[in-house]
PDB file of all heavy atoms in Angstrom:
ATOM      1  N   ALA A   1       4.641   2.362   1.952  1.00  0.00           N
ATOM      2  CA  ALA A   1       3.158   2.110   1.995  1.00  0.00           C
ATOM      3  C   ALA A   1       2.490   3.370   2.560  1.00  0.00           C
ATOM      4  O   ALA A   1       1.424   3.777   2.077  1.00  0.00           O
ATOM      5  CB  ALA A   1       2.938   0.967   2.924  1.00  0.00           C
ATOM      6  N   GLN A   2       3.093   3.975   3.610  1.00  0.00           N
ATOM      7  CA  GLN A   2       2.526   5.188   4.256  1.00  0.00           C
ATOM      8  C   GLN A   2       2.470   6.374   3.150  1.00  0.00           C
ATOM      9  O   GLN A   2       1.501   7.132   3.151  1.00  0.00           O
ATOM     10  CB  GLN A   2       3.322   5.560   5.431  1.00  0.00           C
ATOM     11  CG  GLN A   2       2.796   6.665   6.225  1.00  0.00           C
ATOM     12  CD  GLN A   2       1.521   6.328   6.962  1.00  0.00           C
ATOM     13  OE1 GLN A   2       1.446   5.213   7.467  1.00  0.00           O
ATOM     14  NE2 GLN A   2       0.504   7.161   6.919  1.00  0.00           N
ATOM     15  N   ALA A   3       3.525   6.475   2.412  1.00  0.00           N
ATOM     16  CA  ALA A   3       3.595   7.662   1.558  1.00  0.00           C
ATOM     17  C   ALA A   3       2.826   7.514   0.256  1.00  0.00           C
ATOM     18  O   ALA A   3       2.314   8.501  -0.175  1.00  0.00           O
ATOM     19  CB  ALA A   3       5.159   7.832   1.166  1.00  0.00           C
ATOM     20  N   GLU A   4       2.727   6.358  -0.198  1.00  0.00           N
ATOM     21  CA  GLU A   4       2.067   6.103  -1.492  1.00  0.00           C
ATOM     22  C   GLU A   4       0.593   5.436  -1.495  1.00  0.00           C
ATOM     23  O   GLU A   4      -0.195   5.631  -2.415  1.00  0.00           O
ATOM     24  CB  GLU A   4       2.961   5.332  -2.463  1.00  0.00           C
ATOM     25  CG  GLU A   4       4.378   6.144  -2.645  1.00  0.00           C
ATOM     26  CD  GLU A   4       5.135   5.408  -3.656  1.00  0.00           C
ATOM     27  OE1 GLU A   4       4.650   4.633  -4.627  1.00  0.00           O
ATOM     28  OE2 GLU A   4       6.341   5.701  -3.785  1.00  0.00           O
ATOM     29  N   GLY A   5       0.366   4.753  -0.439  1.00  0.00           N
ATOM     30  CA  GLY A   5      -0.976   4.253  -0.198  1.00  0.00           C
ATOM     31  C   GLY A   5      -1.570   3.546  -1.385  1.00  0.00           C
ATOM     32  O   GLY A   5      -1.048   2.557  -1.931  1.00  0.00           O
ATOM     33  N   ALA A   6      -2.734   3.959  -1.830  1.00  0.00           N
ATOM     34  CA  ALA A   6      -3.495   3.258  -2.874  1.00  0.00           C
ATOM     35  C   ALA A   6      -2.743   3.233  -4.159  1.00  0.00           C
ATOM     36  O   ALA A   6      -2.990   2.504  -5.046  1.00  0.00           O
ATOM     37  CB  ALA A   6      -4.871   3.894  -3.042  1.00  0.00           C
ATOM     38  N   GLU A   7      -1.736   4.209  -4.403  1.00  0.00           N
ATOM     39  CA  GLU A   7      -0.976   4.273  -5.634  1.00  0.00           C
ATOM     40  C   GLU A   7      -0.200   3.077  -5.853  1.00  0.00           C
ATOM     41  O   GLU A   7       0.042   2.580  -6.994  1.00  0.00           O
ATOM     42  CB  GLU A   7      -0.048   5.454  -5.546  1.00  0.00           C
ATOM     43  CG  GLU A   7       0.882   5.649  -6.758  1.00  0.00           C
ATOM     44  CD  GLU A   7       0.120   5.896  -8.074  1.00  0.00           C
ATOM     45  OE1 GLU A   7      -1.109   6.399  -8.045  1.00  0.00           O
ATOM     46  OE2 GLU A   7       0.631   5.584  -9.172  1.00  0.00           O
ATOM     47  N   ILE A   8       0.130   2.337  -4.693  1.00  0.00           N
ATOM     48  CA  ILE A   8       0.871   1.112  -4.868  1.00  0.00           C
ATOM     49  C   ILE A   8       0.061   0.067  -5.554  1.00  0.00           C
ATOM     50  O   ILE A   8       0.637  -0.594  -6.548  1.00  0.00           O
ATOM     51  CB  ILE A   8       1.271   0.617  -3.463  1.00  0.00           C
ATOM     52  CG1 ILE A   8       2.356   1.556  -2.806  1.00  0.00           C
ATOM     53  CG2 ILE A   8       1.879  -0.875  -3.509  1.00  0.00           C
ATOM     54  CD1 ILE A   8       2.675   1.277  -1.451  1.00  0.00           C
ATOM     55  N   ILE A   9      -1.177  -0.040  -5.188  1.00  0.00           N
ATOM     56  CA  ILE A   9      -1.983  -1.056  -5.794  1.00  0.00           C
ATOM     57  C   ILE A   9      -2.389  -0.709  -7.318  1.00  0.00           C
ATOM     58  O   ILE A   9      -2.452  -1.455  -8.187  1.00  0.00           O
ATOM     59  CB  ILE A   9      -3.309  -1.276  -5.095  1.00  0.00           C
ATOM     60  CG1 ILE A   9      -2.958  -1.876  -3.673  1.00  0.00           C
ATOM     61  CG2 ILE A   9      -4.328  -2.168  -5.802  1.00  0.00           C
ATOM     62  CD1 ILE A   9      -4.139  -2.265  -2.782  1.00  0.00           C
ATOM     63  N   ALA A  10      -2.449   0.623  -7.562  1.00  0.00           N
ATOM     64  CA  ALA A  10      -2.670   1.042  -8.894  1.00  0.00           C
ATOM     65  C   ALA A  10      -1.484   0.719  -9.734  1.00  0.00           C
ATOM     66  O   ALA A  10      -1.623   0.356 -11.021  1.00  0.00           O
ATOM     67  CB  ALA A  10      -2.919   2.529  -8.876  1.00  0.00           C
ATOM     68  N   ARG A  11      -0.304   0.790  -9.217  1.00  0.00           N
ATOM     69  CA  ARG A  11       0.927   0.544  -9.961  1.00  0.00           C
ATOM     70  C   ARG A  11       1.194  -0.898 -10.087  1.00  0.00           C
ATOM     71  O   ARG A  11       1.834  -1.420 -10.972  1.00  0.00           O
ATOM     72  CB  ARG A  11       2.081   1.415  -9.347  1.00  0.00           C
ATOM     73  CG  ARG A  11       3.367   1.266 -10.161  1.00  0.00           C
ATOM     74  CD  ARG A  11       4.383   2.377  -9.534  1.00  0.00           C
ATOM     75  NE  ARG A  11       5.675   2.024 -10.111  1.00  0.00           N
ATOM     76  CZ  ARG A  11       6.812   2.861  -9.866  1.00  0.00           C
ATOM     77  NH1 ARG A  11       6.719   3.849  -8.944  1.00  0.00           N
ATOM     78  NH2 ARG A  11       7.966   2.566 -10.309  1.00  0.00           N
ATOM     79  N   ALA A  12       0.943  -1.654  -8.951  1.00  0.00           N
ATOM     80  CA  ALA A  12       1.176  -3.113  -8.803  1.00  0.00           C
ATOM     81  C   ALA A  12      -0.120  -3.740  -8.381  1.00  0.00           C
ATOM     82  O   ALA A  12      -0.282  -4.063  -7.127  1.00  0.00           O
ATOM     83  CB  ALA A  12       2.379  -3.318  -7.881  1.00  0.00           C
ATOM     84  N   PRO A  13      -1.085  -4.074  -9.221  1.00  0.00           N
ATOM     85  CA  PRO A  13      -2.374  -4.632  -8.772  1.00  0.00           C
ATOM     86  C   PRO A  13      -2.137  -6.038  -8.155  1.00  0.00           C
ATOM     87  O   PRO A  13      -3.109  -6.494  -7.492  1.00  0.00           O
ATOM     88  CB  PRO A  13      -3.062  -4.816 -10.097  1.00  0.00           C
ATOM     89  CG  PRO A  13      -2.418  -3.862 -11.061  1.00  0.00           C
ATOM     90  CD  PRO A  13      -1.027  -3.840 -10.608  1.00  0.00           C
ATOM     91  N   THR A  14      -0.957  -6.581  -8.177  1.00  0.00           N
ATOM     92  CA  THR A  14      -0.820  -7.951  -7.513  1.00  0.00           C
ATOM     93  C   THR A  14      -0.761  -7.779  -5.984  1.00  0.00           C
ATOM     94  O   THR A  14      -0.864  -8.798  -5.301  1.00  0.00           O
ATOM     95  CB  THR A  14       0.495  -8.563  -8.084  1.00  0.00           C
ATOM     96  OG1 THR A  14       0.555  -9.930  -7.578  1.00  0.00           O
ATOM     97  CG2 THR A  14       1.757  -7.812  -7.470  1.00  0.00           C
ATOM     98  N   VAL A  15      -0.601  -6.603  -5.511  1.00  0.00           N
ATOM     99  CA  VAL A  15      -0.590  -6.303  -4.094  1.00  0.00           C
ATOM    100  C   VAL A  15      -2.005  -6.481  -3.405  1.00  0.00           C
ATOM    101  O   VAL A  15      -2.911  -5.891  -3.986  1.00  0.00           O
ATOM    102  CB  VAL A  15       0.065  -4.893  -3.739  1.00  0.00           C
ATOM    103  CG1 VAL A  15      -0.050  -4.634  -2.252  1.00  0.00           C
ATOM    104  CG2 VAL A  15       1.480  -4.848  -4.171  1.00  0.00           C
ATOM    105  N   ASP A  16      -2.061  -7.183  -2.297  1.00  0.00           N
ATOM    106  CA  ASP A  16      -3.358  -7.399  -1.674  1.00  0.00           C
ATOM    107  C   ASP A  16      -3.567  -6.386  -0.604  1.00  0.00           C
ATOM    108  O   ASP A  16      -4.716  -6.022  -0.252  1.00  0.00           O
ATOM    109  CB  ASP A  16      -3.445  -8.813  -1.142  1.00  0.00           C
ATOM    110  CG  ASP A  16      -3.278  -9.877  -2.205  1.00  0.00           C
ATOM    111  OD1 ASP A  16      -4.217  -9.994  -2.921  1.00  0.00           O
ATOM    112  OD2 ASP A  16      -2.169 -10.434  -2.285  1.00  0.00           O
ATOM    113  N   VAL A  17      -2.481  -6.087   0.163  1.00  0.00           N
ATOM    114  CA  VAL A  17      -2.606  -5.316   1.463  1.00  0.00           C
ATOM    115  C   VAL A  17      -1.525  -4.198   1.395  1.00  0.00           C
ATOM    116  O   VAL A  17      -0.389  -4.378   1.074  1.00  0.00           O
ATOM    117  CB  VAL A  17      -2.474  -6.177   2.682  1.00  0.00           C
ATOM    118  CG1 VAL A  17      -2.371  -5.247   3.894  1.00  0.00           C
ATOM    119  CG2 VAL A  17      -3.579  -7.225   2.800  1.00  0.00           C
ATOM    120  N   VAL A  18      -1.910  -2.952   1.771  1.00  0.00           N
ATOM    121  CA  VAL A  18      -0.931  -1.819   2.026  1.00  0.00           C
ATOM    122  C   VAL A  18      -1.288  -1.375   3.391  1.00  0.00           C
ATOM    123  O   VAL A  18      -2.408  -1.030   3.807  1.00  0.00           O
ATOM    124  CB  VAL A  18      -1.264  -0.719   1.003  1.00  0.00           C
ATOM    125  CG1 VAL A  18      -0.344   0.454   1.280  1.00  0.00           C
ATOM    126  CG2 VAL A  18      -1.067  -1.171  -0.490  1.00  0.00           C
ATOM    127  N   VAL A  19      -0.224  -1.372   4.264  1.00  0.00           N
ATOM    128  CA  VAL A  19      -0.305  -0.972   5.593  1.00  0.00           C
ATOM    129  C   VAL A  19       0.855  -0.105   6.099  1.00  0.00           C
ATOM    130  O   VAL A  19       2.059  -0.430   5.938  1.00  0.00           O
ATOM    131  CB  VAL A  19      -0.452  -2.263   6.478  1.00  0.00           C
ATOM    132  CG1 VAL A  19       0.725  -3.187   6.430  1.00  0.00           C
ATOM    133  CG2 VAL A  19      -0.629  -1.929   7.990  1.00  0.00           C
ATOM    134  N   GLY A  20       0.509   1.023   6.645  1.00  0.00           N
ATOM    135  CA  GLY A  20       1.566   1.950   7.164  1.00  0.00           C
ATOM    136  C   GLY A  20       2.128   1.530   8.511  1.00  0.00           C
ATOM    137  O   GLY A  20       1.644   0.573   9.128  1.00  0.00           O
ATOM    138  N   PRO A  21       3.320   2.053   8.848  1.00  0.00           N
ATOM    139  CA  PRO A  21       4.043   1.595  10.045  1.00  0.00           C
ATOM    140  C   PRO A  21       3.338   1.798  11.439  1.00  0.00           C
ATOM    141  O   PRO A  21       3.782   1.206  12.392  1.00  0.00           O
ATOM    142  CB  PRO A  21       5.288   2.406   9.956  1.00  0.00           C
ATOM    143  CG  PRO A  21       4.984   3.571   9.110  1.00  0.00           C
ATOM    144  CD  PRO A  21       3.991   3.174   8.241  1.00  0.00           C
ATOM    145  N   GLN A  22       2.263   2.507  11.395  1.00  0.00           N
ATOM    146  CA  GLN A  22       1.434   2.688  12.743  1.00  0.00           C
ATOM    147  C   GLN A  22       0.325   1.763  12.870  1.00  0.00           C
ATOM    148  O   GLN A  22      -0.411   1.761  13.776  1.00  0.00           O
ATOM    149  CB  GLN A  22       0.964   4.097  12.804  1.00  0.00           C
ATOM    150  CG  GLN A  22       2.033   5.237  12.772  1.00  0.00           C
ATOM    151  CD  GLN A  22       3.165   5.102  13.655  1.00  0.00           C
ATOM    152  OE1 GLN A  22       2.850   4.551  14.851  1.00  0.00           O
ATOM    153  NE2 GLN A  22       4.372   5.255  13.271  1.00  0.00           N
ATOM    154  N   SER A  23       0.187   0.772  11.812  1.00  0.00           N
ATOM    155  CA  SER A  23      -1.041   0.027  11.815  1.00  0.00           C
ATOM    156  C   SER A  23      -0.818  -1.469  11.669  1.00  0.00           C
ATOM    157  O   SER A  23      -1.678  -2.349  11.294  1.00  0.00           O
ATOM    158  CB  SER A  23      -1.948   0.411  10.559  1.00  0.00           C
ATOM    159  OG  SER A  23      -2.250   1.854  10.680  1.00  0.00           O
ATOM    160  N   TYR A  24       0.478  -1.918  12.021  1.00  0.00           N
ATOM    161  CA  TYR A  24       0.761  -3.243  11.915  1.00  0.00           C
ATOM    162  C   TYR A  24      -0.162  -4.223  12.762  1.00  0.00           C
ATOM    163  O   TYR A  24      -0.384  -5.436  12.467  1.00  0.00           O
ATOM    164  CB  TYR A  24       2.269  -3.632  12.336  1.00  0.00           C
ATOM    165  CG  TYR A  24       3.209  -2.896  11.439  1.00  0.00           C
ATOM    166  CD1 TYR A  24       4.430  -2.281  11.888  1.00  0.00           C
ATOM    167  CD2 TYR A  24       2.992  -2.744  10.013  1.00  0.00           C
ATOM    168  CE1 TYR A  24       5.340  -1.750  11.076  1.00  0.00           C
ATOM    169  CE2 TYR A  24       3.848  -2.188   9.192  1.00  0.00           C
ATOM    170  CZ  TYR A  24       5.046  -1.612   9.792  1.00  0.00           C
ATOM    171  OH  TYR A  24       5.946  -1.003   8.878  1.00  0.00           O
TER     172      TYR A  24
END
């Protein structure tokens, strides 16, 4: 999540939330 950010949702639109390890 930290490394790829918004790219995750672009690649997998089913994802609702992307959160890095410092923001739990």
